[in-house]
């Protein structure tokens, strides 16, 4: 799937935004059929989704579609969205593994109808309620189609009657990140609101905190947020060089029978070495 530091929501009913999506620097684009589409325009959006996906994908971007959670809407959304140009679906309000598996069956049927190989369409489960947080591990391990868990901070805060700020959101956010890491998938989200897309400094602080909590990327609601997420969730040249040095020095030490060494005044042992390996793997995914 490749690295997903930033995923930009793009309105499927706005051709001018679709035409510029590839210029925004995001790792992927999310075409939305859920919250940004009012009920009376759902059918219109579905009718446009396939061609919009083809157009965006033809410019080199990975394309996801966010569907609706209600079964009667999800059936139509999946049927309209699954296609060669769509890498995966964002599934909102997944409270239980059974709900995710119901979406898996929808996707299987749509893939068969479209003549696509089984497993072509990846899934991202959005955890947005208190129940979903308690079921995070089970959801993360429910299907091998799952490539990421996403934390829906606004809906979660509403359900908890809280303000979406880190002091209140960090526990639930890190629960999602831990569940994702345990299942070997990405963790997308922030422990706070991204509604104010004009305050880039505050966004950078929030993204840095998300990185420390274990998140690997975030969705963006405005192009101005993309660069901040790419930096926060990416690997800098300096970080990659430092990791490479740790690997080189520690592997040389292990060859001499040593299990721990000092480098630049800091102890290097197996956990530090494994973290350096993970850094290099992530840097490689970013350039793949």
Protein backbone atom coordinates (compact mmCIF):
# COMPACT_ATOMS: atom_id res chain seq x y z
CA UNK A 1 0.00 0.00 0.00
CA UNK A 2 2.90 2.37 0.67
CA UNK A 3 3.20 5.13 3.24
CA UNK A 4 0.10 7.11 4.23
CA UNK A 5 1.22 10.27 6.02
CA UNK A 6 -1.50 12.50 4.61
CA UNK A 7 -4.87 11.67 3.05
CA UNK A 8 -6.73 14.66 1.64
CA UNK A 9 -10.51 14.77 1.53
CA UNK A 10 -11.63 16.03 -1.87
CA UNK A 11 -15.30 16.87 -2.65
CA UNK A 12 -16.47 14.52 -5.38
CA UNK A 13 -19.06 17.06 -6.56
CA UNK A 14 -16.50 19.84 -7.06
CA UNK A 15 -14.65 19.34 -10.40
CA UNK A 16 -12.21 22.20 -9.75
CA UNK A 17 -10.97 20.54 -6.55
CA UNK A 18 -10.70 17.16 -8.24
CA UNK A 19 -8.64 18.67 -11.05
CA UNK A 20 -6.08 20.05 -8.57
CA UNK A 21 -5.96 17.10 -6.16
CA UNK A 22 -2.67 15.78 -7.54
CA UNK A 23 -0.97 19.13 -6.91
CA UNK A 24 -1.53 19.13 -3.14
CA UNK A 25 1.27 16.77 -2.13
CA UNK A 26 -0.91 14.26 -0.28
CA UNK A 27 -0.03 10.57 -0.23
CA UNK A 28 -3.64 9.72 -1.07
CA UNK A 29 -7.03 11.28 -1.75
CA UNK A 30 -10.34 10.41 -0.09
CA UNK A 31 -13.46 10.97 -2.17
CA UNK A 32 -16.35 11.43 0.25
CA UNK A 33 -19.84 9.97 0.07
CA UNK A 34 -20.59 10.48 3.76
CA UNK A 35 -20.75 13.68 5.82
CA UNK A 36 -19.95 16.20 3.07
CA UNK A 37 -22.79 14.95 0.84
CA UNK A 38 -26.32 15.94 1.85
CA UNK A 39 -28.98 13.19 1.54
CA UNK A 40 -30.60 14.69 -1.55
CA UNK A 41 -27.28 14.58 -3.44
CA UNK A 42 -26.10 11.09 -2.48
CA UNK A 43 -27.24 9.53 -5.76
CA UNK A 44 -25.55 12.27 -7.77
CA UNK A 45 -22.30 11.70 -5.88
CA UNK A 46 -22.47 7.94 -6.43
CA UNK A 47 -23.00 8.49 -10.14
CA UNK A 48 -19.81 10.56 -10.30
CA UNK A 49 -17.56 8.55 -8.02
CA UNK A 50 -16.21 6.01 -10.52
CA UNK A 51 -15.08 8.57 -13.10
CA UNK A 52 -13.72 10.87 -10.41
CA UNK A 53 -11.61 8.01 -9.08
CA UNK A 54 -10.28 7.21 -12.55
CA UNK A 55 -9.42 10.86 -13.18
CA UNK A 56 -7.56 11.30 -9.88
CA UNK A 57 -5.79 7.94 -10.06
CA UNK A 58 -4.61 8.67 -13.60
CA UNK A 59 -2.54 11.52 -12.16
CA UNK A 60 -0.61 9.14 -9.91
CA UNK A 61 -2.59 9.38 -6.67
CA UNK A 62 -3.97 6.55 -4.57
CA UNK A 63 -7.72 6.93 -4.24
CA UNK A 64 -9.94 5.95 -1.32
CA UNK A 65 -13.68 6.47 -0.94
CA UNK A 66 -15.42 7.14 2.37
CA UNK A 67 -18.77 5.39 2.33
CA UNK A 68 -21.78 5.71 4.61
CA UNK A 69 -22.19 3.40 7.59
CA UNK A 70 -25.92 2.63 7.37
CA UNK A 71 -26.39 -0.71 5.55
CA UNK A 72 -28.96 0.62 3.08
CA UNK A 73 -26.55 3.38 2.05
CA UNK A 74 -23.40 1.27 2.27
CA UNK A 75 -24.79 -1.25 -0.21
CA UNK A 76 -25.19 1.47 -2.84
CA UNK A 77 -21.93 3.21 -1.96
CA UNK A 78 -19.83 0.06 -2.24
CA UNK A 79 -21.45 -0.97 -5.52
CA UNK A 80 -20.72 2.48 -6.97
CA UNK A 81 -17.19 2.80 -5.59
CA UNK A 82 -15.40 -0.51 -6.01
CA UNK A 83 -13.29 -0.44 -9.15
CA UNK A 84 -9.78 -0.72 -10.49
CA UNK A 85 -8.99 2.93 -9.71
CA UNK A 86 -10.09 2.73 -6.06
CA UNK A 87 -7.42 1.42 -3.69
CA UNK A 88 -9.73 1.14 -0.72
CA UNK A 89 -12.74 2.26 1.26
CA UNK A 90 -12.96 4.24 4.49
CA UNK A 91 -15.70 2.63 6.58
CA UNK A 92 -17.11 5.00 9.22
CA UNK A 93 -18.51 4.19 12.65
CA UNK A 94 -17.27 0.62 12.91
CA UNK A 95 -18.28 -0.43 16.43
CA UNK A 96 -17.74 -4.19 16.23
CA UNK A 97 -15.76 -6.70 14.16
CA UNK A 98 -19.06 -8.06 12.88
CA UNK A 99 -19.89 -4.69 11.34
CA UNK A 100 -16.55 -4.63 9.56
CA UNK A 101 -17.05 -8.17 8.26
CA UNK A 102 -20.44 -7.17 6.84
CA UNK A 103 -18.64 -4.52 4.81
CA UNK A 104 -16.07 -7.11 3.71
CA UNK A 105 -18.89 -9.21 2.24
CA UNK A 106 -20.27 -6.17 0.38
CA UNK A 107 -16.85 -5.49 -1.08
CA UNK A 108 -16.36 -9.11 -2.13
CA UNK A 109 -19.64 -9.06 -4.06
CA UNK A 110 -18.74 -5.78 -5.73
CA UNK A 111 -15.29 -7.04 -6.71
CA UNK A 112 -16.76 -10.17 -8.26
CA UNK A 113 -19.25 -8.11 -10.24
CA UNK A 114 -16.48 -5.77 -11.43
CA UNK A 115 -14.20 -8.65 -12.39
CA UNK A 116 -11.56 -7.62 -9.87
CA UNK A 117 -9.37 -10.09 -7.95
CA UNK A 118 -10.44 -10.91 -4.42
CA UNK A 119 -8.64 -8.56 -2.03
CA UNK A 120 -8.14 -5.72 -4.52
CA UNK A 121 -10.01 -3.27 -2.29
CA UNK A 122 -8.44 -2.42 1.06
CA UNK A 123 -10.43 -1.19 4.06
CA UNK A 124 -9.82 1.47 6.69
CA UNK A 125 -12.06 1.15 9.75
CA UNK A 126 -12.96 4.42 11.45
CA UNK A 127 -13.44 4.14 15.22
CA UNK A 128 -15.69 6.98 16.33
CA UNK A 129 -17.68 5.83 19.38
CA UNK A 130 -16.95 4.65 22.92
CA UNK A 131 -17.96 1.09 21.95
CA UNK A 132 -15.52 1.07 19.05
CA UNK A 133 -12.66 2.02 21.37
CA UNK A 134 -13.39 -0.96 23.63
CA UNK A 135 -13.49 -3.21 20.55
CA UNK A 136 -10.44 -1.71 18.86
CA UNK A 137 -8.21 -4.80 19.04
CA UNK A 138 -10.93 -7.15 17.77
CA UNK A 139 -11.78 -4.80 14.92
CA UNK A 140 -8.13 -4.40 13.95
CA UNK A 141 -7.72 -8.17 13.67
CA UNK A 142 -11.06 -8.95 11.99
CA UNK A 143 -9.98 -8.92 8.33
CA UNK A 144 -6.79 -9.11 6.32
CA UNK A 145 -8.26 -6.42 4.05
CA UNK A 146 -7.71 -3.89 6.80
CA UNK A 147 -4.74 -1.59 6.16
CA UNK A 148 -5.44 1.01 8.85
CA UNK A 149 -7.54 2.05 11.80
CA UNK A 150 -8.69 5.65 11.90
CA UNK A 151 -9.66 7.63 15.00
CA UNK A 152 -12.72 9.81 14.37
CA UNK A 153 -12.07 12.44 17.00
CA UNK A 154 -15.04 14.73 16.29
CA UNK A 155 -17.69 12.00 16.47
CA UNK A 156 -16.01 10.39 19.47
CA UNK A 157 -15.92 13.71 21.33
CA UNK A 158 -19.59 14.29 20.53
CA UNK A 159 -20.51 10.84 21.84
CA UNK A 160 -18.57 11.51 25.04
CA UNK A 161 -19.92 15.08 25.34
CA UNK A 162 -16.34 16.34 25.47
CA UNK A 163 -14.32 19.01 23.71
CA UNK A 164 -11.96 17.37 21.16
CA UNK A 165 -8.73 18.42 22.88
CA UNK A 166 -5.70 16.24 23.69
CA UNK A 167 -6.31 16.14 27.45
CA UNK A 168 -9.64 14.39 26.84
CA UNK A 169 -8.87 12.54 23.59
CA UNK A 170 -5.40 11.07 24.15
CA UNK A 171 -6.51 7.87 25.91
CA UNK A 172 -8.95 6.86 23.19
CA UNK A 173 -6.57 7.98 20.46
CA UNK A 174 -3.69 5.92 21.79
CA UNK A 175 -5.98 2.92 22.27
CA UNK A 176 -6.64 3.06 18.52
CA UNK A 177 -2.94 3.43 17.75
CA UNK A 178 -1.96 0.51 19.99
CA UNK A 179 -4.64 -1.74 18.48
CA UNK A 180 -3.46 -0.84 14.98
CA UNK A 181 0.18 -1.50 15.78
CA UNK A 182 -0.72 -4.83 17.42
CA UNK A 183 -2.43 -5.87 14.18
CA UNK A 184 0.39 -4.60 11.99
CA UNK A 185 -1.66 -1.89 10.27
CA UNK A 186 -1.41 1.90 10.08
CA UNK A 187 -2.98 4.25 12.61
CA UNK A 188 -4.56 7.41 11.21
CA UNK A 189 -5.77 10.33 13.28
CA UNK A 190 -5.06 13.01 15.83
CA UNK A 191 -5.91 13.45 19.53
CA UNK A 192 -7.70 16.72 18.76
CA UNK A 193 -9.73 18.65 16.23
CA UNK A 194 -8.41 19.71 12.82
CA UNK A 195 -11.40 21.93 12.09
CA UNK A 196 -9.30 25.11 12.32
CA UNK A 197 -7.14 24.70 9.23
CA UNK A 198 -5.74 28.24 9.52
CA UNK A 199 -3.65 27.63 12.67
CA UNK A 200 -0.77 25.62 11.22
CA UNK A 201 1.43 25.97 14.32
CA UNK A 202 -1.25 24.41 16.52
CA UNK A 203 -1.77 21.69 13.92
CA UNK A 204 1.95 20.90 13.90
CA UNK A 205 1.94 20.50 17.69
CA UNK A 206 -1.10 18.23 17.49
CA UNK A 207 0.46 16.12 14.75
CA UNK A 208 3.72 15.82 16.71
CA UNK A 209 1.74 14.55 19.70
CA UNK A 210 -0.10 12.08 17.48
CA UNK A 211 3.23 10.76 16.23
CA UNK A 212 4.36 10.25 19.82
CA UNK A 213 1.12 8.39 20.60
CA UNK A 214 1.86 5.95 17.79
CA UNK A 215 -0.05 7.34 14.82
CA UNK A 216 1.42 7.03 11.34
CA UNK A 217 -0.65 9.60 9.44
CA UNK A 218 -3.79 11.69 9.37
CA UNK A 219 -6.62 12.75 7.12
CA UNK A 220 -6.61 16.39 6.00
CA UNK A 221 -9.72 18.48 5.43
CA UNK A 222 -7.82 21.29 3.67
CA UNK A 223 -4.77 21.35 1.36
CA UNK A 224 -3.00 23.68 3.80
CA UNK A 225 -2.72 20.81 6.28
CA UNK A 226 -0.98 18.34 3.97
CA UNK A 227 2.61 19.57 4.30
CA UNK A 228 2.34 19.61 8.09
CA UNK A 229 1.24 15.98 8.16
CA UNK A 230 3.90 14.91 5.67
CA UNK A 231 6.57 16.41 7.88
CA UNK A 232 5.16 15.20 11.20
CA UNK A 233 4.61 11.61 10.09
CA UNK A 234 7.53 11.34 7.68
CA UNK A 235 11.20 10.49 8.18
CA UNK A 236 13.67 13.32 7.68
CA UNK A 237 17.06 12.79 6.07
CA UNK A 238 18.71 13.41 9.45
CA UNK A 239 16.51 10.80 11.16
CA UNK A 240 17.26 8.26 8.44
CA UNK A 241 21.00 8.92 8.69
CA UNK A 242 20.94 8.56 12.48
CA UNK A 243 19.02 5.28 12.22
CA UNK A 244 21.44 3.95 9.61
CA UNK A 245 24.37 4.74 11.89
CA UNK A 246 22.72 2.94 14.82
CA UNK A 247 22.13 -0.13 12.64
CA UNK A 248 25.68 -0.19 11.30
CA UNK A 249 27.35 0.25 14.67
CA UNK A 250 25.10 -2.17 16.55
CA UNK A 251 25.35 -4.92 13.94
CA UNK A 252 29.14 -4.63 14.11
CA UNK A 253 28.92 -4.92 17.90
CA UNK A 254 26.67 -7.98 17.71
CA UNK A 255 29.16 -9.64 15.38
CA UNK A 256 31.69 -9.26 18.21
CA UNK A 257 29.31 -10.82 20.73
CA UNK A 258 28.17 -7.57 22.36
CA UNK A 259 24.51 -6.99 23.26
CA UNK A 260 24.76 -3.30 24.12
CA UNK A 261 27.13 -0.46 23.21
CA UNK A 262 27.46 3.28 23.65
CA UNK A 263 27.01 5.67 20.72
CA UNK A 264 27.32 9.44 21.15
CA UNK A 265 26.86 9.04 24.89
CA UNK A 266 23.71 6.92 24.66
CA UNK A 267 23.21 3.20 25.19
CA UNK A 268 22.25 1.21 22.11
CA UNK A 269 20.60 -2.18 22.69
CA UNK A 270 18.09 -4.39 20.89
CA UNK A 271 15.00 -2.14 21.34
CA UNK A 272 16.92 0.90 20.07
CA UNK A 273 18.25 -1.16 17.15
CA UNK A 274 14.75 -2.40 16.27
CA UNK A 275 13.42 1.17 16.37
CA UNK A 276 16.17 2.19 13.95
CA UNK A 277 15.20 -0.66 11.62
CA UNK A 278 11.58 0.52 11.71
CA UNK A 279 12.71 4.04 10.84
CA UNK A 280 14.62 2.81 7.79
CA UNK A 281 11.67 0.66 6.67
CA UNK A 282 9.34 3.65 6.91
CA UNK A 283 11.79 5.87 5.04
CA UNK A 284 11.93 3.24 2.31
CA UNK A 285 8.14 3.12 2.04
CA UNK A 286 8.09 6.89 1.61
CA UNK A 287 10.36 6.70 -1.43
CA UNK A 288 8.85 3.56 -2.97
